[in-house]
Protein backbone atom coordinates (compact mmCIF):
# COMPACT_ATOMS: atom_id res chain seq x y z
CA MET A 1 -30.53 -12.18 68.19
CA LYS A 2 -33.53 -12.57 65.82
CA LYS A 3 -33.45 -8.86 65.10
CA ARG A 4 -29.77 -9.09 64.12
CA LEU A 5 -30.43 -12.04 61.75
CA ILE A 6 -33.27 -10.16 60.06
CA ILE A 7 -30.99 -7.15 59.47
CA ILE A 8 -28.26 -9.38 57.95
CA CYS A 9 -30.79 -11.10 55.66
CA LEU A 10 -32.21 -7.82 54.43
CA ALA A 11 -28.74 -6.47 53.76
CA ALA A 12 -27.88 -9.61 51.76
CA LEU A 13 -31.04 -9.29 49.70
CA MET A 14 -30.22 -5.67 48.87
CA LEU A 15 -26.73 -6.65 47.60
CA VAL A 16 -27.98 -9.39 45.22
CA PRO A 17 -29.42 -7.09 42.48
CA THR A 18 -26.26 -4.95 42.53
CA THR A 19 -24.06 -8.01 42.02
CA ASN A 20 -26.24 -9.14 39.09
CA VAL A 21 -26.06 -5.71 37.45
CA GLN A 22 -22.29 -5.69 37.74
CA ALA A 23 -22.10 -9.19 36.26
CA GLN A 24 -24.33 -8.15 33.38
CA TYR A 25 -22.25 -5.04 32.79
CA ARG A 26 -19.02 -7.05 32.72
CA LYS A 27 -20.62 -9.48 30.31
CA LYS A 28 -21.81 -6.67 28.06
CA LYS A 29 -18.32 -5.15 27.92
CA GLN A 30 -16.90 -8.39 26.51
CA THR A 31 -18.21 -7.88 22.95
CA THR A 32 -15.36 -9.38 20.95
CA GLU A 33 -13.22 -12.45 20.97
CA ILE A 34 -10.01 -13.41 19.20
CA VAL A 35 -9.89 -16.77 17.46
CA ARG A 36 -7.16 -18.49 15.47
CA GLU A 37 -7.72 -19.99 12.03
CA GLY A 38 -6.35 -23.54 12.25
CA ASN A 39 -2.57 -23.63 12.51
CA ASN A 40 -2.37 -20.35 10.64
CA LYS A 41 -0.75 -17.39 12.36
CA ARG A 42 -3.45 -15.07 10.98
CA LEU A 43 -5.65 -13.74 13.77
CA TRP A 44 -9.32 -12.99 13.46
CA LEU A 45 -11.51 -10.80 15.60
CA ARG A 46 -15.19 -11.72 15.79
CA SER A 47 -17.85 -9.53 17.29
CA LYS A 48 -20.25 -11.55 19.46
CA ALA A 49 -23.05 -9.30 18.26
CA ASP A 50 -22.14 -9.93 14.63
CA THR A 51 -21.82 -13.20 12.72
CA ASN A 52 -19.17 -11.75 10.38
CA TRP A 53 -15.54 -12.67 10.85
CA HIS A 54 -13.04 -9.98 10.09
CA PRO A 55 -9.46 -10.86 9.01
CA THR A 56 -6.55 -8.81 10.33
CA PRO A 57 -3.01 -8.52 8.99
CA GLY A 58 -0.51 -10.37 11.16
CA GLY A 59 -0.03 -8.82 14.57
CA LEU A 60 -3.18 -6.70 14.65
CA TYR A 61 -5.73 -7.34 17.39
CA GLU A 62 -8.43 -4.73 16.82
CA GLN A 63 -11.61 -4.62 14.82
CA VAL A 64 -10.73 -3.95 11.19
CA THR A 65 -14.03 -3.33 9.47
CA MET A 66 -14.25 0.20 8.08
CA PRO A 67 -17.39 1.99 9.28
CA GLU A 68 -19.74 2.98 6.47
CA MET A 69 -20.68 6.17 8.33
CA ASN A 70 -18.64 8.36 10.61
CA LYS A 71 -19.94 9.86 13.84
CA LYS A 72 -21.54 12.74 11.94
CA GLY A 73 -23.43 10.40 9.62
CA LYS A 74 -21.27 11.04 6.54
CA LYS A 75 -19.79 8.32 4.40
CA THR A 76 -16.15 7.52 5.12
CA GLU A 77 -15.04 5.60 2.07
CA PRO A 78 -11.34 6.31 1.45
CA ILE A 79 -9.99 6.58 -2.07
CA ILE A 80 -7.93 3.50 -2.80
CA ASP A 81 -5.16 4.03 -5.31
CA MET A 82 -4.59 0.69 -7.03
CA GLY A 83 -2.23 2.07 -9.64
CA GLY A 84 0.68 -0.15 -8.63
CA LYS A 85 4.22 0.96 -7.87
CA HIS A 86 4.60 4.68 -8.50
CA LYS A 87 7.93 5.89 -9.82
CA VAL A 88 8.39 9.10 -7.85
CA ARG A 89 11.55 10.34 -6.21
CA GLU A 90 11.66 11.50 -2.61
CA THR A 91 13.51 14.62 -3.75
CA ALA A 92 10.37 15.74 -5.64
CA TYR A 93 8.70 16.69 -2.34
CA ASP A 94 9.49 19.43 0.16
CA THR A 95 10.32 18.49 3.70
CA VAL A 96 7.69 19.51 6.24
CA TRP A 97 10.21 21.20 8.53
CA LYS A 98 11.06 24.08 6.20
CA PHE A 99 7.85 25.98 6.79
CA THR A 100 5.81 27.44 9.60
CA ALA A 101 2.83 27.68 7.24
CA PHE A 102 2.11 25.36 4.35
CA ASP A 103 1.98 26.35 0.69
CA GLY A 104 -1.16 25.21 -1.07
CA LYS A 105 0.81 24.55 -4.28
CA THR A 106 3.41 22.23 -2.74
CA PHE A 107 3.36 18.56 -1.79
CA TYR A 108 5.02 17.70 1.51
CA TYR A 109 6.57 14.37 2.47
CA ILE A 110 6.61 13.38 6.14
CA ASN A 111 8.71 10.50 7.39
CA TYR A 112 6.02 9.28 9.76
CA ASN A 113 4.77 5.79 10.54
CA TYR A 114 1.07 6.20 9.81
CA ASN A 115 0.31 3.09 11.86
CA ASN A 116 0.92 5.26 14.99
CA PHE A 117 -2.53 6.81 14.43
CA ARG A 118 -3.97 3.64 16.00
CA GLN A 119 -2.21 4.12 19.31
CA LEU A 120 -2.75 7.91 19.37
CA LYS A 121 -6.49 7.44 18.92
CA TRP A 122 -6.81 6.09 22.47
CA LEU A 123 -4.68 8.75 24.17
CA LYS A 124 -5.82 12.11 25.57
CA ASP A 125 -4.60 15.30 23.84
CA ASN A 126 -2.00 16.05 26.53
CA GLN A 127 -0.54 12.58 26.08
CA ARG A 128 -0.36 12.46 22.29
CA ASP A 129 3.09 12.77 20.76
CA TRP A 130 2.75 13.35 17.01
CA GLY A 131 6.48 13.25 16.26
CA THR A 132 7.27 14.34 12.71
CA PHE A 133 3.55 14.81 12.07
CA ASP A 134 3.38 17.53 14.75
CA PRO A 135 3.75 20.51 12.33
CA VAL A 136 0.73 19.29 10.38
CA MET A 137 -1.42 18.97 13.52
CA ASP A 138 -0.33 22.43 14.68
CA TYR A 139 -1.28 23.85 11.32
CA ILE A 140 -4.73 22.27 10.87
CA THR A 141 -5.77 22.97 14.46
CA THR A 142 -4.86 26.67 14.27
CA ALA A 143 -5.49 27.60 10.61
CA GLY A 144 -9.19 26.81 10.58
CA ARG A 145 -11.01 24.96 7.81
CA ILE A 146 -7.99 24.13 5.69
CA PRO A 147 -8.70 21.35 3.13
CA MET A 148 -6.12 18.59 3.21
CA HIS A 149 -5.24 15.67 0.97
CA ILE A 150 -3.28 12.94 2.71
CA CYS A 151 -1.72 9.82 1.14
CA ALA A 152 -0.19 6.93 3.10
CA ILE A 153 2.65 5.41 1.09
CA PHE A 154 4.31 2.05 1.58
CA ALA A 155 6.78 -0.17 -0.24
CA VAL A 156 7.31 -3.90 -0.43
CA ASN A 157 10.90 -4.98 0.16
CA PRO A 158 12.52 -5.01 -3.31
CA THR A 159 14.34 -8.26 -2.53
CA ILE A 160 10.99 -10.10 -2.67
CA THR A 161 10.80 -11.38 -6.22
CA ASP A 162 7.87 -13.80 -5.86
CA GLN A 163 4.90 -11.93 -7.34
CA ASP A 164 2.27 -13.76 -5.29
CA GLN A 165 4.11 -12.99 -2.05
CA HIS A 166 4.51 -9.39 -3.15
CA ASP A 167 0.79 -9.04 -3.95
CA GLU A 168 -0.23 -10.54 -0.58
CA ILE A 169 2.01 -8.13 1.33
CA ALA A 170 0.75 -5.18 -0.69
CA ALA A 171 -2.91 -6.13 -0.14
CA ASN A 172 -2.43 -6.39 3.64
CA ALA A 173 -0.48 -3.11 3.63
CA GLN A 174 -3.27 -1.28 1.84
CA MET A 175 -5.85 -2.54 4.35
CA GLU A 176 -3.60 -1.61 7.28
CA ALA A 177 -3.02 1.90 5.92
CA LEU A 178 -6.75 2.48 5.33
CA ILE A 179 -7.55 1.43 8.89
CA SER A 180 -4.81 3.72 10.22
CA LEU A 181 -6.21 6.67 8.26
CA ASP A 182 -9.64 5.89 9.63
CA TYR A 183 -8.27 6.25 13.15
CA PHE A 184 -6.84 9.63 12.12
CA ARG A 185 -10.29 10.60 10.89
CA ASP A 186 -11.72 9.66 14.27
CA ILE A 187 -9.19 11.93 15.98
CA LEU A 188 -10.17 14.90 13.80
CA ILE A 189 -13.87 14.28 14.57
CA GLU A 190 -13.09 14.00 18.28
CA LYS A 191 -11.21 17.32 18.15
CA GLU A 192 -14.23 18.81 16.33
CA LEU A 193 -12.06 20.02 13.46
CA LYS A 194 -13.86 21.22 10.33
CA ASN A 195 -11.11 20.34 7.87
CA LYS A 196 -12.24 18.61 4.68
CA VAL A 197 -9.83 15.70 4.28
CA SER A 198 -9.49 13.21 1.45
CA TYR A 199 -7.53 9.97 1.90
CA LYS A 200 -5.45 7.80 -0.37
CA VAL A 201 -3.10 4.84 -0.13
CA ALA A 202 -0.39 4.07 -2.65
CA GLU A 203 2.59 1.78 -3.14
CA VAL A 204 5.94 3.22 -4.19
CA ASP A 205 8.98 1.53 -5.58
CA TRP A 206 11.47 1.67 -2.72
CA ARG A 207 14.54 1.67 -4.97
CA TYR A 208 13.28 4.56 -7.04
CA TRP A 209 12.00 6.47 -4.02
CA LYS A 210 15.42 6.27 -2.30
CA ASP A 211 17.24 7.09 -5.55
CA ALA A 212 21.03 6.83 -5.23
CA SER A 213 20.96 6.38 -1.48
CA TYR A 214 19.38 2.94 -2.03
CA PHE A 215 22.84 1.64 -2.94
CA THR A 216 24.60 3.23 0.03
CA ASP A 217 22.03 3.14 2.84
CA PRO A 218 21.46 -0.04 4.90
CA GLN A 219 18.92 -2.20 3.08
CA PRO A 220 15.49 -2.73 4.71
CA THR A 221 14.94 -6.08 6.36
CA ASP A 222 11.15 -5.96 6.87
CA ASP A 223 8.86 -7.28 4.16
CA LEU A 224 6.70 -4.16 4.48
CA ILE A 225 8.22 -0.66 4.57
CA ARG A 226 5.94 2.10 5.84
CA VAL A 227 7.49 4.95 3.89
CA GLY A 228 5.39 7.74 5.36
CA LEU A 229 2.78 10.32 4.36
CA ILE A 230 2.37 12.87 1.62
CA VAL A 231 0.11 15.86 2.34
CA ASP A 232 -1.20 18.74 0.30
CA PHE A 233 -3.27 21.70 1.41
CA SER A 234 -5.56 22.89 -1.40
CA SER A 235 -9.18 22.77 -2.46
CA LYS A 236 -8.35 21.24 -5.84
CA LYS A 237 -8.47 17.55 -6.67
CA VAL A 238 -4.81 16.54 -6.90
CA ASP A 239 -2.75 13.50 -7.78
CA LEU A 240 -0.37 13.17 -4.85
CA LEU A 241 1.75 10.58 -6.63
CA PRO A 242 2.01 11.49 -10.30
CA SER A 243 3.84 8.83 -12.24
CA ALA A 244 7.35 9.80 -13.30
CA ALA A 245 6.54 8.16 -16.64
CA LYS A 246 3.18 9.85 -17.17
CA ASP A 247 4.13 11.29 -20.59
CA ALA A 248 6.74 8.68 -21.44
CA LYS A 249 7.12 7.27 -24.92
CA THR A 250 5.51 3.88 -25.63
CA PHE A 251 7.22 0.96 -27.34
CA ALA A 252 5.79 -2.04 -29.16
CA ASP A 253 6.06 -5.64 -27.91
CA ILE A 254 9.05 -7.65 -29.03
CA LYS A 255 7.84 -10.93 -30.52
CA PHE A 256 9.56 -14.37 -30.43
CA PHE A 257 9.11 -17.60 -32.31
CA PRO A 258 7.51 -20.44 -30.29
CA ASN A 259 9.90 -22.33 -28.01
CA ASP A 260 12.70 -19.81 -28.70
CA ALA A 261 14.37 -16.89 -26.90
CA THR A 262 16.43 -15.51 -29.77
CA ILE A 263 15.96 -11.82 -30.61
CA GLN A 264 15.09 -11.49 -34.30
CA ASP A 265 17.16 -9.07 -36.42
CA SER A 266 14.03 -7.14 -37.33
CA TYR A 267 13.82 -5.86 -33.71
CA ILE A 268 17.38 -4.47 -33.58
CA PRO A 269 16.26 -0.93 -34.63
CA GLU A 270 13.56 -1.03 -31.96
CA LEU A 271 16.15 -1.91 -29.30
CA ASP A 272 18.42 0.88 -30.55
CA ASN A 273 15.56 3.38 -30.23
CA LEU A 274 14.67 2.11 -26.73
CA ALA A 275 18.28 2.42 -25.53
CA SER A 276 18.63 5.90 -27.06
CA TYR A 277 15.43 7.02 -25.33
CA LEU A 278 16.54 5.70 -21.93
CA LYS A 279 19.86 7.56 -22.29
CA GLN A 280 17.98 10.80 -22.96
CA GLU A 281 15.55 10.27 -20.06
CA SER A 282 18.00 9.31 -17.31
CA GLY A 283 15.28 9.51 -14.61
CA LEU A 284 13.21 6.67 -16.13
CA GLU A 285 13.47 2.89 -15.99
CA VAL A 286 12.14 0.08 -18.14
CA LEU A 287 10.05 -2.94 -17.13
CA LEU A 288 10.44 -6.01 -19.37
CA THR A 289 7.73 -8.66 -18.92
CA GLY A 290 8.16 -11.98 -20.65
CA TYR A 291 5.23 -14.13 -21.92
CA CYS A 292 4.74 -17.29 -23.95
CA ASP A 293 1.99 -19.55 -25.28
CA ASN A 294 0.48 -22.50 -23.36
CA VAL A 295 2.42 -25.26 -25.16
CA GLY A 296 4.59 -27.11 -22.62
CA THR A 297 4.61 -27.33 -18.85
CA GLU A 298 3.91 -24.33 -16.65
CA THR A 299 7.41 -24.46 -15.17
CA TYR A 300 9.08 -24.60 -18.60
CA ASN A 301 6.97 -21.71 -19.91
CA MET A 302 7.79 -19.58 -16.90
CA GLY A 303 11.50 -20.15 -17.46
CA LEU A 304 11.23 -19.46 -21.17
CA SER A 305 9.34 -16.20 -20.64
CA ARG A 306 11.98 -15.04 -18.14
CA GLN A 307 14.83 -15.94 -20.52
CA ARG A 308 13.23 -13.82 -23.27
CA ALA A 309 13.05 -10.78 -20.97
CA VAL A 310 16.63 -11.41 -19.82
CA GLU A 311 17.83 -11.46 -23.46
CA ILE A 312 16.27 -8.04 -24.00
CA LYS A 313 17.92 -6.84 -20.80
CA LYS A 314 21.35 -8.04 -21.99
CA ALA A 315 20.86 -6.27 -25.32
CA LEU A 316 20.06 -2.99 -23.55
CA MET A 317 23.05 -3.34 -21.22
CA LYS A 318 25.30 -3.84 -24.29
CA ARG A 319 23.91 -0.50 -25.50
CA GLY A 320 24.99 1.30 -22.34
CA ILE A 321 21.87 1.09 -20.09
CA ALA A 322 22.72 0.46 -16.41
CA GLU A 323 21.43 -2.85 -15.04
CA ASN A 324 19.66 -1.23 -12.11
CA ARG A 325 17.42 0.65 -14.57
CA ILE A 326 16.06 -2.57 -16.08
CA GLU A 327 13.45 -4.63 -14.27
CA VAL A 328 12.55 -8.13 -15.47
CA ILE A 329 9.34 -10.07 -14.72
CA ALA A 330 8.26 -13.51 -15.98
CA ARG A 331 4.54 -14.18 -16.47
CA GLY A 332 4.68 -17.45 -18.42
CA GLU A 333 1.45 -18.25 -20.21
CA ASP A 334 -0.58 -15.67 -18.21
CA ASP A 335 -2.50 -12.82 -19.87
CA PRO A 336 -2.66 -14.16 -23.47
CA VAL A 337 -3.37 -11.55 -26.16
CA GLY A 338 -4.06 -14.18 -28.83
CA ASP A 339 -5.93 -17.47 -29.13
CA ASN A 340 -3.58 -20.30 -28.13
CA ASN A 341 -5.61 -22.69 -30.27
CA THR A 342 -4.28 -21.05 -33.45
CA TYR A 343 -0.75 -20.61 -34.72
CA SER A 344 -1.14 -16.84 -35.20
CA GLY A 345 -2.51 -16.54 -31.70
CA ARG A 346 0.40 -18.42 -30.23
CA LEU A 347 2.81 -16.18 -32.13
CA ALA A 348 1.14 -13.12 -30.58
CA ASN A 349 1.52 -14.59 -27.08
CA ASN A 350 5.27 -15.22 -27.40
CA ARG A 351 6.37 -11.73 -26.55
CA VAL A 352 8.15 -9.32 -24.20
CA THR A 353 6.28 -6.16 -23.29
CA VAL A 354 8.22 -2.91 -22.81
CA VAL A 355 6.92 -0.39 -20.25
CA ILE A 356 8.74 2.83 -19.35
CA GLN A 357 8.37 3.60 -15.66
């Protein structure tokens, strides 16, 4: 009986260290925790080994900090294109399905949700389904060290007119796209591919991108539209989203008297020239941004600056320019070009800027 008890005790002692090791291992695996910021729906992911807190766009649950170095010790800083809404038509790009090999002088548009790179990162090769991105993966895995430029493009729903809301959505979208491209980079490293890849993110104007189909296709309901990817295979530094108005004509500001939205007769020839130019360049649009001085309340000034831009819009429509080609923005007393403490400065600030896009 004593012999049996001794054997049981020894066996129990041998199991204790194993249990502790397993417990330590489980504890070590739990390196992150998700916390909620007050009543806000924004989720944060904090590393227990790091005091920094990292914000995530709504609905994301993974670490979002971009690594400064990749697994091969090279810097992985993507190129961020902050140029605003690019005016480029979808028809300007070839579809990826037309070719078995890619032309180094052609840009290709792929209708692919770049956010899928996140999920694909954690799957084995025989489980990954690349969808419309499959021809690209076939090409770069078989053609050798082909240099590639890749640009993730997104759009903010054009029905969102509040500029602050638009800017917040765009900022989150840029961060999300950069993270997704970083997952794609990880996949290439994992597959030991030698391709030299450069990354960009850009916002496009959804209405302009869809062209005429915008008026016939069902309108998007999501605030953020992940348009897809543009890829180019060449060794040259390229602009994947050249502005449609890159070489467009410039027009002077249209000035207004303080506390007034009446177009002065002296600007009639300028409006005639603007309308004539838009008729000649049917692929371009015009952005009218209204401003005013800081006299009066913020609400009143915002309304006055919008009314000024609307008056210019009406004048252009009377001259035969379609309404959908004219975009109006009100900026109130923001971005003054003159000193509001002087009369001449206030005159300079009461204006509508004209930008061809």
